[in-house]
Amino acid sequence: MASIEETSADNNNIPPSAGSNDEKQSSSNNEKDSGFECNICLETAHDAVLSLCGHLFCWPCIHQWLETRAHNPTCPVCKSSISRDKLVPIYGRNSPQTDPRLI
């Protein structure tokens, strides 16, 4: 039977898993870009809103999209019918706590 010291020494020789560097890199990327991407500008969504079909946008981007398509407002991703009053504001830790649709 192996002693505790031998077992401890054996564990020190185990190489780190292949995914450990990927996990570290992924977590550092998440810290840099902790927000979600707007489906129009593909940047971190500012004043984020969510459509009922589940797509996320910056309020300025979706507002401009809806203004240019006032006669037939559709989601830019899936083409579902959307309207300004059915967009849901997303409030995060570092985002303003005011409804961007009211500004």
PDB file of N, CA and C in Angstrom:
ATOM      1  N   MET A   1       0.846  -1.178   0.000  1.00  0.00           N
ATOM      2  CA  MET A   1       0.000   0.000   0.000  1.00  0.00           C
ATOM      3  C   MET A   1       0.890   1.240   0.000  1.00  0.00           C
ATOM      4  N   ALA A   2       0.539   2.249  -0.788  1.00  0.00           N
ATOM      5  CA  ALA A   2       1.349   3.458  -0.916  1.00  0.00           C
ATOM      6  C   ALA A   2       1.124   4.362   0.280  1.00  0.00           C
ATOM      7  N   SER A   3       2.190   5.021   0.686  1.00  0.00           N
ATOM      8  CA  SER A   3       2.063   5.956   1.797  1.00  0.00           C
ATOM      9  C   SER A   3       1.488   7.277   1.278  1.00  0.00           C
ATOM     10  N   ILE A   4       1.086   8.120   2.200  1.00  0.00           N
ATOM     11  CA  ILE A   4       0.527   9.423   1.835  1.00  0.00           C
ATOM     12  C   ILE A   4       1.557  10.250   1.082  1.00  0.00           C
ATOM     13  N   GLU A   5       2.810  10.177   1.497  1.00  0.00           N
ATOM     14  CA  GLU A   5       3.859  10.951   0.836  1.00  0.00           C
ATOM     15  C   GLU A   5       4.049  10.497  -0.602  1.00  0.00           C
ATOM     16  N   GLU A   6       4.008   9.163  -0.852  1.00  0.00           N
ATOM     17  CA  GLU A   6       4.170   8.659  -2.212  1.00  0.00           C
ATOM     18  C   GLU A   6       2.995   9.092  -3.089  1.00  0.00           C
ATOM     19  N   THR A   7       1.778   9.040  -2.555  1.00  0.00           N
ATOM     20  CA  THR A   7       0.597   9.446  -3.308  1.00  0.00           C
ATOM     21  C   THR A   7       0.669  10.924  -3.651  1.00  0.00           C
ATOM     22  N   SER A   8       1.102  11.735  -2.701  1.00  0.00           N
ATOM     23  CA  SER A   8       1.234  13.163  -2.928  1.00  0.00           C
ATOM     24  C   SER A   8       2.264  13.434  -4.018  1.00  0.00           C
ATOM     25  N   ALA A   9       3.363  12.721  -4.000  1.00  0.00           N
ATOM     26  CA  ALA A   9       4.404  12.890  -5.009  1.00  0.00           C
ATOM     27  C   ALA A   9       3.886  12.480  -6.376  1.00  0.00           C
ATOM     28  N   ASP A  10       3.089  11.398  -6.433  1.00  0.00           N
ATOM     29  CA  ASP A  10       2.522  10.959  -7.704  1.00  0.00           C
ATOM     30  C   ASP A  10       1.583  12.017  -8.282  1.00  0.00           C
ATOM     31  N   ASN A  11       0.792  12.672  -7.443  1.00  0.00           N
ATOM     32  CA  ASN A  11      -0.141  13.694  -7.906  1.00  0.00           C
ATOM     33  C   ASN A  11       0.588  14.910  -8.469  1.00  0.00           C
ATOM     34  N   ASN A  12       1.787  15.189  -7.969  1.00  0.00           N
ATOM     35  CA  ASN A  12       2.560  16.321  -8.479  1.00  0.00           C
ATOM     36  C   ASN A  12       3.060  16.072  -9.890  1.00  0.00           C
ATOM     37  N   ASN A  13       3.146  14.805 -10.294  1.00  0.00           N
ATOM     38  CA  ASN A  13       3.636  14.461 -11.625  1.00  0.00           C
ATOM     39  C   ASN A  13       2.526  14.400 -12.668  1.00  0.00           C
ATOM     40  N   ILE A  14       1.291  14.592 -12.263  1.00  0.00           N
ATOM     41  CA  ILE A  14       0.180  14.541 -13.206  1.00  0.00           C
ATOM     42  C   ILE A  14       0.157  15.848 -13.991  1.00  0.00           C
ATOM     43  N   PRO A  15       0.201  15.755 -15.325  1.00  0.00           N
ATOM     44  CA  PRO A  15       0.169  16.986 -16.121  1.00  0.00           C
ATOM     45  C   PRO A  15      -1.209  17.637 -16.022  1.00  0.00           C
ATOM     46  N   PRO A  16      -1.266  18.957 -16.145  1.00  0.00           N
ATOM     47  CA  PRO A  16      -2.569  19.626 -16.109  1.00  0.00           C
ATOM     48  C   PRO A  16      -3.417  19.171 -17.285  1.00  0.00           C
ATOM     49  N   SER A  17      -4.719  19.211 -17.130  1.00  0.00           N
ATOM     50  CA  SER A  17      -5.609  18.774 -18.207  1.00  0.00           C
ATOM     51  C   SER A  17      -5.462  19.713 -19.398  1.00  0.00           C
ATOM     52  N   ALA A  18      -5.770  19.190 -20.559  1.00  0.00           N
ATOM     53  CA  ALA A  18      -5.632  19.981 -21.785  1.00  0.00           C
ATOM     54  C   ALA A  18      -6.561  21.184 -21.774  1.00  0.00           C
ATOM     55  N   GLY A  19      -7.702  21.075 -21.118  1.00  0.00           N
ATOM     56  CA  GLY A  19      -8.669  22.156 -21.113  1.00  0.00           C
ATOM     57  C   GLY A  19      -8.371  23.253 -20.117  1.00  0.00           C
ATOM     58  N   SER A  20      -7.423  23.069 -19.226  1.00  0.00           N
ATOM     59  CA  SER A  20      -7.214  24.068 -18.182  1.00  0.00           C
ATOM     60  C   SER A  20      -6.756  25.411 -18.748  1.00  0.00           C
ATOM     61  N   ASN A  21      -5.876  25.427 -19.739  1.00  0.00           N
ATOM     62  CA  ASN A  21      -5.451  26.689 -20.342  1.00  0.00           C
ATOM     63  C   ASN A  21      -6.599  27.343 -21.092  1.00  0.00           C
ATOM     64  N   ASP A  22      -7.402  26.523 -21.776  1.00  0.00           N
ATOM     65  CA  ASP A  22      -8.560  27.055 -22.489  1.00  0.00           C
ATOM     66  C   ASP A  22      -9.544  27.682 -21.515  1.00  0.00           C
ATOM     67  N   GLU A  23      -9.755  27.018 -20.370  1.00  0.00           N
ATOM     68  CA  GLU A  23     -10.677  27.544 -19.373  1.00  0.00           C
ATOM     69  C   GLU A  23     -10.171  28.867 -18.814  1.00  0.00           C
ATOM     70  N   LYS A  24      -8.862  28.960 -18.548  1.00  0.00           N
ATOM     71  CA  LYS A  24      -8.290  30.209 -18.038  1.00  0.00           C
ATOM     72  C   LYS A  24      -8.436  31.320 -19.066  1.00  0.00           C
ATOM     73  N   GLN A  25      -8.155  31.005 -20.328  1.00  0.00           N
ATOM     74  CA  GLN A  25      -8.260  32.001 -21.384  1.00  0.00           C
ATOM     75  C   GLN A  25      -9.712  32.434 -21.554  1.00  0.00           C
ATOM     76  N   SER A  26     -10.627  31.481 -21.500  1.00  0.00           N
ATOM     77  CA  SER A  26     -12.044  31.798 -21.640  1.00  0.00           C
ATOM     78  C   SER A  26     -12.523  32.690 -20.510  1.00  0.00           C
ATOM     79  N   SER A  27     -12.088  32.403 -19.277  1.00  0.00           N
ATOM     80  CA  SER A  27     -12.534  33.230 -18.157  1.00  0.00           C
ATOM     81  C   SER A  27     -11.945  34.632 -18.247  1.00  0.00           C
ATOM     82  N   SER A  28     -10.719  34.782 -18.756  1.00  0.00           N
ATOM     83  CA  SER A  28     -10.160  36.125 -18.899  1.00  0.00           C
ATOM     84  C   SER A  28     -10.879  36.881 -20.010  1.00  0.00           C
ATOM     85  N   ASN A  29     -11.301  36.191 -21.075  1.00  0.00           N
ATOM     86  CA  ASN A  29     -12.083  36.841 -22.122  1.00  0.00           C
ATOM     87  C   ASN A  29     -13.426  37.294 -21.580  1.00  0.00           C
ATOM     88  N   ASN A  30     -14.040  36.484 -20.715  1.00  0.00           N
ATOM     89  CA  ASN A  30     -15.326  36.847 -20.137  1.00  0.00           C
ATOM     90  C   ASN A  30     -15.200  38.071 -19.247  1.00  0.00           C
ATOM     91  N   GLU A  31     -14.065  38.214 -18.556  1.00  0.00           N
ATOM     92  CA  GLU A  31     -13.871  39.381 -17.705  1.00  0.00           C
ATOM     93  C   GLU A  31     -13.753  40.643 -18.542  1.00  0.00           C
ATOM     94  N   LYS A  32     -13.096  40.552 -19.696  1.00  0.00           N
ATOM     95  CA  LYS A  32     -12.929  41.710 -20.568  1.00  0.00           C
ATOM     96  C   LYS A  32     -14.249  42.091 -21.222  1.00  0.00           C
ATOM     97  N   ASP A  33     -15.021  41.095 -21.631  1.00  0.00           N
ATOM     98  CA  ASP A  33     -16.250  41.330 -22.375  1.00  0.00           C
ATOM     99  C   ASP A  33     -17.384  40.604 -21.675  1.00  0.00           C
ATOM    100  N   SER A  34     -17.797  41.142 -20.535  1.00  0.00           N
ATOM    101  CA  SER A  34     -18.796  40.460 -19.731  1.00  0.00           C
ATOM    102  C   SER A  34     -20.208  40.691 -20.234  1.00  0.00           C
ATOM    103  N   GLY A  35     -20.393  41.565 -21.241  1.00  0.00           N
ATOM    104  CA  GLY A  35     -21.720  41.839 -21.758  1.00  0.00           C
ATOM    105  C   GLY A  35     -22.078  40.907 -22.894  1.00  0.00           C
ATOM    106  N   PHE A  36     -23.247  41.142 -23.450  1.00  0.00           N
ATOM    107  CA  PHE A  36     -23.714  40.372 -24.588  1.00  0.00           C
ATOM    108  C   PHE A  36     -23.574  41.205 -25.845  1.00  0.00           C
ATOM    109  N   GLU A  37     -23.474  40.535 -26.989  1.00  0.00           N
ATOM    110  CA  GLU A  37     -23.308  41.235 -28.257  1.00  0.00           C
ATOM    111  C   GLU A  37     -24.649  41.624 -28.858  1.00  0.00           C
ATOM    112  N   CYS A  38     -24.689  42.813 -29.394  1.00  0.00           N
ATOM    113  CA  CYS A  38     -25.845  43.275 -30.162  1.00  0.00           C
ATOM    114  C   CYS A  38     -25.869  42.496 -31.476  1.00  0.00           C
ATOM    115  N   ASN A  39     -27.027  42.040 -31.882  1.00  0.00           N
ATOM    116  CA  ASN A  39     -27.153  41.284 -33.126  1.00  0.00           C
ATOM    117  C   ASN A  39     -27.148  42.165 -34.374  1.00  0.00           C
ATOM    118  N   ILE A  40     -27.036  43.460 -34.203  1.00  0.00           N
ATOM    119  CA  ILE A  40     -26.949  44.364 -35.356  1.00  0.00           C
ATOM    120  C   ILE A  40     -25.515  44.854 -35.537  1.00  0.00           C
ATOM    121  N   CYS A  41     -24.952  45.507 -34.512  1.00  0.00           N
ATOM    122  CA  CYS A  41     -23.601  46.076 -34.646  1.00  0.00           C
ATOM    123  C   CYS A  41     -22.503  45.091 -34.242  1.00  0.00           C
ATOM    124  N   LEU A  42     -22.865  44.005 -33.589  1.00  0.00           N
ATOM    125  CA  LEU A  42     -21.944  42.953 -33.143  1.00  0.00           C
ATOM    126  C   LEU A  42     -20.942  43.432 -32.095  1.00  0.00           C
ATOM    127  N   GLU A  43     -21.232  44.552 -31.455  1.00  0.00           N
ATOM    128  CA  GLU A  43     -20.438  45.064 -30.341  1.00  0.00           C
ATOM    129  C   GLU A  43     -21.158  44.706 -29.047  1.00  0.00           C
ATOM    130  N   THR A  44     -20.506  44.976 -27.907  1.00  0.00           N
ATOM    131  CA  THR A  44     -21.177  44.776 -26.628  1.00  0.00           C
ATOM    132  C   THR A  44     -22.408  45.669 -26.590  1.00  0.00           C
ATOM    133  N   ALA A  45     -23.553  45.083 -26.281  1.00  0.00           N
ATOM    134  CA  ALA A  45     -24.818  45.818 -26.315  1.00  0.00           C
ATOM    135  C   ALA A  45     -24.872  46.863 -25.207  1.00  0.00           C
ATOM    136  N   HIS A  46     -25.133  48.104 -25.587  1.00  0.00           N
ATOM    137  CA  HIS A  46     -25.315  49.208 -24.639  1.00  0.00           C
ATOM    138  C   HIS A  46     -26.798  49.543 -24.612  1.00  0.00           C
ATOM    139  N   ASP A  47     -27.333  49.805 -23.436  1.00  0.00           N
ATOM    140  CA  ASP A  47     -28.779  49.998 -23.282  1.00  0.00           C
ATOM    141  C   ASP A  47     -29.493  48.814 -23.932  1.00  0.00           C
ATOM    142  N   ALA A  48     -29.091  47.621 -23.518  1.00  0.00           N
ATOM    143  CA  ALA A  48     -29.556  46.389 -24.150  1.00  0.00           C
ATOM    144  C   ALA A  48     -31.054  46.176 -23.987  1.00  0.00           C
ATOM    145  N   VAL A  49     -31.662  45.698 -25.062  1.00  0.00           N
ATOM    146  CA  VAL A  49     -33.066  45.302 -25.049  1.00  0.00           C
ATOM    147  C   VAL A  49     -33.169  43.925 -25.701  1.00  0.00           C
ATOM    148  N   LEU A  50     -34.185  43.184 -25.283  1.00  0.00           N
ATOM    149  CA  LEU A  50     -34.407  41.829 -25.775  1.00  0.00           C
ATOM    150  C   LEU A  50     -35.760  41.782 -26.468  1.00  0.00           C
ATOM    151  N   SER A  51     -35.783  41.202 -27.657  1.00  0.00           N
ATOM    152  CA  SER A  51     -37.055  41.051 -28.365  1.00  0.00           C
ATOM    153  C   SER A  51     -37.785  39.827 -27.820  1.00  0.00           C
ATOM    154  N   LEU A  52     -39.082  39.745 -28.064  1.00  0.00           N
ATOM    155  CA  LEU A  52     -39.847  38.592 -27.592  1.00  0.00           C
ATOM    156  C   LEU A  52     -39.423  37.305 -28.288  1.00  0.00           C
ATOM    157  N   CYS A  53     -38.778  37.425 -29.456  1.00  0.00           N
ATOM    158  CA  CYS A  53     -38.266  36.233 -30.137  1.00  0.00           C
ATOM    159  C   CYS A  53     -36.900  35.819 -29.584  1.00  0.00           C
ATOM    160  N   GLY A  54     -36.382  36.583 -28.600  1.00  0.00           N
ATOM    161  CA  GLY A  54     -35.167  36.182 -27.891  1.00  0.00           C
ATOM    162  C   GLY A  54     -33.871  36.770 -28.398  1.00  0.00           C
ATOM    163  N   HIS A  55     -33.918  37.771 -29.249  1.00  0.00           N
ATOM    164  CA  HIS A  55     -32.690  38.371 -29.777  1.00  0.00           C
ATOM    165  C   HIS A  55     -32.358  39.666 -29.048  1.00  0.00           C
ATOM    166  N   LEU A  56     -31.066  39.870 -28.815  1.00  0.00           N
ATOM    167  CA  LEU A  56     -30.572  40.999 -28.031  1.00  0.00           C
ATOM    168  C   LEU A  56     -30.008  42.080 -28.945  1.00  0.00           C
ATOM    169  N   PHE A  57     -30.298  43.339 -28.606  1.00  0.00           N
ATOM    170  CA  PHE A  57     -29.833  44.468 -29.407  1.00  0.00           C
ATOM    171  C   PHE A  57     -29.465  45.637 -28.511  1.00  0.00           C
ATOM    172  N   CYS A  58     -28.622  46.531 -29.038  1.00  0.00           N
ATOM    173  CA  CYS A  58     -28.442  47.849 -28.429  1.00  0.00           C
ATOM    174  C   CYS A  58     -29.728  48.611 -28.719  1.00  0.00           C
ATOM    175  N   TRP A  59     -30.174  49.414 -27.770  1.00  0.00           N
ATOM    176  CA  TRP A  59     -31.371  50.210 -28.036  1.00  0.00           C
ATOM    177  C   TRP A  59     -31.181  51.134 -29.248  1.00  0.00           C
ATOM    178  N   PRO A  60     -30.051  51.863 -29.360  1.00  0.00           N
ATOM    179  CA  PRO A  60     -29.898  52.736 -30.533  1.00  0.00           C
ATOM    180  C   PRO A  60     -29.951  51.962 -31.858  1.00  0.00           C
ATOM    181  N   CYS A  61     -29.388  50.755 -31.885  1.00  0.00           N
ATOM    182  CA  CYS A  61     -29.383  49.966 -33.124  1.00  0.00           C
ATOM    183  C   CYS A  61     -30.792  49.526 -33.509  1.00  0.00           C
ATOM    184  N   ILE A  62     -31.533  48.949 -32.566  1.00  0.00           N
ATOM    185  CA  ILE A  62     -32.868  48.450 -32.900  1.00  0.00           C
ATOM    186  C   ILE A  62     -33.830  49.613 -33.143  1.00  0.00           C
ATOM    187  N   HIS A  63     -33.612  50.724 -32.450  1.00  0.00           N
ATOM    188  CA  HIS A  63     -34.450  51.910 -32.682  1.00  0.00           C
ATOM    189  C   HIS A  63     -34.283  52.390 -34.126  1.00  0.00           C
ATOM    190  N   GLN A  64     -33.050  52.496 -34.565  1.00  0.00           N
ATOM    191  CA  GLN A  64     -32.788  52.917 -35.948  1.00  0.00           C
ATOM    192  C   GLN A  64     -33.366  51.901 -36.932  1.00  0.00           C
ATOM    193  N   TRP A  65     -33.208  50.612 -36.640  1.00  0.00           N
ATOM    194  CA  TRP A  65     -33.749  49.551 -37.498  1.00  0.00           C
ATOM    195  C   TRP A  65     -35.268  49.703 -37.641  1.00  0.00           C
ATOM    196  N   LEU A  66     -35.940  49.916 -36.513  1.00  0.00           N
ATOM    197  CA  LEU A  66     -37.399  50.037 -36.540  1.00  0.00           C
ATOM    198  C   LEU A  66     -37.854  51.318 -37.235  1.00  0.00           C
ATOM    199  N   GLU A  67     -37.087  52.399 -37.075  1.00  0.00           N
ATOM    200  CA  GLU A  67     -37.432  53.663 -37.737  1.00  0.00           C
ATOM    201  C   GLU A  67     -37.383  53.525 -39.255  1.00  0.00           C
ATOM    202  N   THR A  68     -36.429  52.781 -39.759  1.00  0.00           N
ATOM    203  CA  THR A  68     -36.283  52.637 -41.212  1.00  0.00           C
ATOM    204  C   THR A  68     -37.252  51.607 -41.789  1.00  0.00           C
ATOM    205  N   ARG A  69     -37.903  50.852 -40.918  1.00  0.00           N
ATOM    206  CA  ARG A  69     -38.855  49.834 -41.360  1.00  0.00           C
ATOM    207  C   ARG A  69     -40.199  50.004 -40.660  1.00  0.00           C
ATOM    208  N   ALA A  70     -40.621  51.242 -40.508  1.00  0.00           N
ATOM    209  CA  ALA A  70     -41.836  51.550 -39.748  1.00  0.00           C
ATOM    210  C   ALA A  70     -43.082  50.878 -40.330  1.00  0.00           C
ATOM    211  N   HIS A  71     -43.107  50.680 -41.628  1.00  0.00           N
ATOM    212  CA  HIS A  71     -44.279  50.067 -42.265  1.00  0.00           C
ATOM    213  C   HIS A  71     -44.359  48.557 -42.025  1.00  0.00           C
ATOM    214  N   ASN A  72     -43.233  47.905 -41.741  1.00  0.00           N
ATOM    215  CA  ASN A  72     -43.209  46.454 -41.533  1.00  0.00           C
ATOM    216  C   ASN A  72     -42.089  46.095 -40.555  1.00  0.00           C
ATOM    217  N   PRO A  73     -42.259  46.385 -39.259  1.00  0.00           N
ATOM    218  CA  PRO A  73     -41.178  46.126 -38.296  1.00  0.00           C
ATOM    219  C   PRO A  73     -40.975  44.632 -38.033  1.00  0.00           C
ATOM    220  N   THR A  74     -39.787  44.156 -38.382  1.00  0.00           N
ATOM    221  CA  THR A  74     -39.453  42.747 -38.164  1.00  0.00           C
ATOM    222  C   THR A  74     -38.109  42.641 -37.466  1.00  0.00           C
ATOM    223  N   CYS A  75     -37.900  41.516 -36.805  1.00  0.00           N
ATOM    224  CA  CYS A  75     -36.620  41.248 -36.149  1.00  0.00           C
ATOM    225  C   CYS A  75     -35.544  41.122 -37.220  1.00  0.00           C
ATOM    226  N   PRO A  76     -34.409  41.799 -37.054  1.00  0.00           N
ATOM    227  CA  PRO A  76     -33.343  41.704 -38.056  1.00  0.00           C
ATOM    228  C   PRO A  76     -32.704  40.320 -38.133  1.00  0.00           C
ATOM    229  N   VAL A  77     -32.921  39.490 -37.116  1.00  0.00           N
ATOM    230  CA  VAL A  77     -32.315  38.160 -37.110  1.00  0.00           C
ATOM    231  C   VAL A  77     -33.253  37.118 -37.711  1.00  0.00           C
ATOM    232  N   CYS A  78     -34.482  37.025 -37.179  1.00  0.00           N
ATOM    233  CA  CYS A  78     -35.379  35.935 -37.585  1.00  0.00           C
ATOM    234  C   CYS A  78     -36.596  36.401 -38.374  1.00  0.00           C
ATOM    235  N   LYS A  79     -36.742  37.709 -38.551  1.00  0.00           N
ATOM    236  CA  LYS A  79     -37.836  38.317 -39.320  1.00  0.00           C
ATOM    237  C   LYS A  79     -39.209  38.162 -38.666  1.00  0.00           C
ATOM    238  N   SER A  80     -39.258  37.827 -37.368  1.00  0.00           N
ATOM    239  CA  SER A  80     -40.530  37.827 -36.637  1.00  0.00           C
ATOM    240  C   SER A  80     -41.012  39.256 -36.495  1.00  0.00           C
ATOM    241  N   SER A  81     -42.293  39.417 -36.388  1.00  0.00           N
ATOM    242  CA  SER A  81     -42.864  40.743 -36.181  1.00  0.00           C
ATOM    243  C   SER A  81     -42.469  41.240 -34.787  1.00  0.00           C
ATOM    244  N   ILE A  82     -41.974  42.475 -34.711  1.00  0.00           N
ATOM    245  CA  ILE A  82     -41.612  43.063 -33.416  1.00  0.00           C
ATOM    246  C   ILE A  82     -42.143  44.487 -33.355  1.00  0.00           C
ATOM    247  N   SER A  83     -42.232  44.993 -32.148  1.00  0.00           N
ATOM    248  CA  SER A  83     -42.632  46.390 -31.974  1.00  0.00           C
ATOM    249  C   SER A  83     -41.851  46.984 -30.815  1.00  0.00           C
ATOM    250  N   ARG A  84     -41.736  48.287 -30.840  1.00  0.00           N
ATOM    251  CA  ARG A  84     -40.959  49.018 -29.836  1.00  0.00           C
ATOM    252  C   ARG A  84     -41.474  48.730 -28.422  1.00  0.00           C
ATOM    253  N   ASP A  85     -42.791  48.683 -28.258  1.00  0.00           N
ATOM    254  CA  ASP A  85     -43.355  48.487 -26.919  1.00  0.00           C
ATOM    255  C   ASP A  85     -43.239  47.054 -26.415  1.00  0.00           C
ATOM    256  N   LYS A  86     -42.854  46.116 -27.275  1.00  0.00           N
ATOM    257  CA  LYS A  86     -42.675  44.723 -26.855  1.00  0.00           C
ATOM    258  C   LYS A  86     -41.208  44.376 -26.589  1.00  0.00           C
ATOM    259  N   LEU A  87     -40.300  45.344 -26.727  1.00  0.00           N
ATOM    260  CA  LEU A  87     -38.889  45.113 -26.417  1.00  0.00           C
ATOM    261  C   LEU A  87     -38.696  45.210 -24.910  1.00  0.00           C
ATOM    262  N   VAL A  88     -37.910  44.291 -24.352  1.00  0.00           N
ATOM    263  CA  VAL A  88     -37.704  44.228 -22.905  1.00  0.00           C
ATOM    264  C   VAL A  88     -36.312  44.755 -22.568  1.00  0.00           C
ATOM    265  N   PRO A  89     -36.201  45.811 -21.754  1.00  0.00           N
ATOM    266  CA  PRO A  89     -34.885  46.323 -21.350  1.00  0.00           C
ATOM    267  C   PRO A  89     -34.165  45.309 -20.465  1.00  0.00           C
ATOM    268  N   ILE A  90     -32.856  45.205 -20.632  1.00  0.00           N
ATOM    269  CA  ILE A  90     -32.024  44.318 -19.817  1.00  0.00           C
ATOM    270  C   ILE A  90     -31.201  45.199 -18.886  1.00  0.00           C
ATOM    271  N   TYR A  91     -31.331  44.967 -17.597  1.00  0.00           N
ATOM    272  CA  TYR A  91     -30.604  45.756 -16.604  1.00  0.00           C
ATOM    273  C   TYR A  91     -29.498  44.901 -16.003  1.00  0.00           C
ATOM    274  N   GLY A  92     -28.240  45.303 -16.212  1.00  0.00           N
ATOM    275  CA  GLY A  92     -27.097  44.598 -15.653  1.00  0.00           C
ATOM    276  C   GLY A  92     -26.454  45.417 -14.554  1.00  0.00           C
ATOM    277  N   ARG A  93     -25.404  44.868 -13.996  1.00  0.00           N
ATOM    278  CA  ARG A  93     -24.694  45.557 -12.911  1.00  0.00           C
ATOM    279  C   ARG A  93     -24.126  46.895 -13.332  1.00  0.00           C
ATOM    280  N   ASN A  94     -23.564  46.957 -14.529  1.00  0.00           N
ATOM    281  CA  ASN A  94     -22.892  48.182 -14.976  1.00  0.00           C
ATOM    282  C   ASN A  94     -23.711  48.961 -15.997  1.00  0.00           C
ATOM    283  N   SER A  95     -25.013  48.728 -16.028  1.00  0.00           N
ATOM    284  CA  SER A  95     -25.841  49.438 -16.999  1.00  0.00           C
ATOM    285  C   SER A  95     -26.766  50.404 -16.284  1.00  0.00           C
ATOM    286  N   PRO A  96     -27.216  51.425 -17.003  1.00  0.00           N
ATOM    287  CA  PRO A  96     -28.158  52.363 -16.384  1.00  0.00           C
ATOM    288  C   PRO A  96     -29.448  51.634 -16.015  1.00  0.00           C
ATOM    289  N   GLN A  97     -30.083  52.078 -14.962  1.00  0.00           N
ATOM    290  CA  GLN A  97     -31.302  51.429 -14.495  1.00  0.00           C
ATOM    291  C   GLN A  97     -32.555  52.129 -15.014  1.00  0.00           C
ATOM    292  N   THR A  98     -32.413  52.849 -16.119  1.00  0.00           N
ATOM    293  CA  THR A  98     -33.556  53.520 -16.720  1.00  0.00           C
ATOM    294  C   THR A  98     -33.918  52.820 -18.024  1.00  0.00           C
ATOM    295  N   ASP A  99     -35.176  52.850 -18.345  1.00  0.00           N
ATOM    296  CA  ASP A  99     -35.664  52.221 -19.565  1.00  0.00           C
ATOM    297  C   ASP A  99     -35.177  53.033 -20.765  1.00  0.00           C
ATOM    298  N   PRO A 100     -34.331  52.457 -21.639  1.00  0.00           N
ATOM    299  CA  PRO A 100     -33.787  53.221 -22.766  1.00  0.00           C
ATOM    300  C   PRO A 100     -34.867  53.661 -23.749  1.00  0.00           C
ATOM    301  N   ARG A 101     -36.007  52.989 -23.751  1.00  0.00           N
ATOM    302  CA  ARG A 101     -37.089  53.353 -24.669  1.00  0.00           C
ATOM    303  C   ARG A 101     -37.734  54.679 -24.290  1.00  0.00           C
ATOM    304  N   LEU A 102     -37.541  55.106 -23.033  1.00  0.00           N
ATOM    305  CA  LEU A 102     -38.168  56.334 -22.555  1.00  0.00           C
ATOM    306  C   LEU A 102     -37.280  57.558 -22.688  1.00  0.00           C
ATOM    307  N   ILE A 103     -36.047  57.360 -23.094  1.00  0.00           N
ATOM    308  CA  ILE A 103     -35.087  58.469 -23.197  1.00  0.00           C
ATOM    309  C   ILE A 103     -35.200  59.136 -24.548  1.00  0.00           C
TER     310      ILE A 103
END
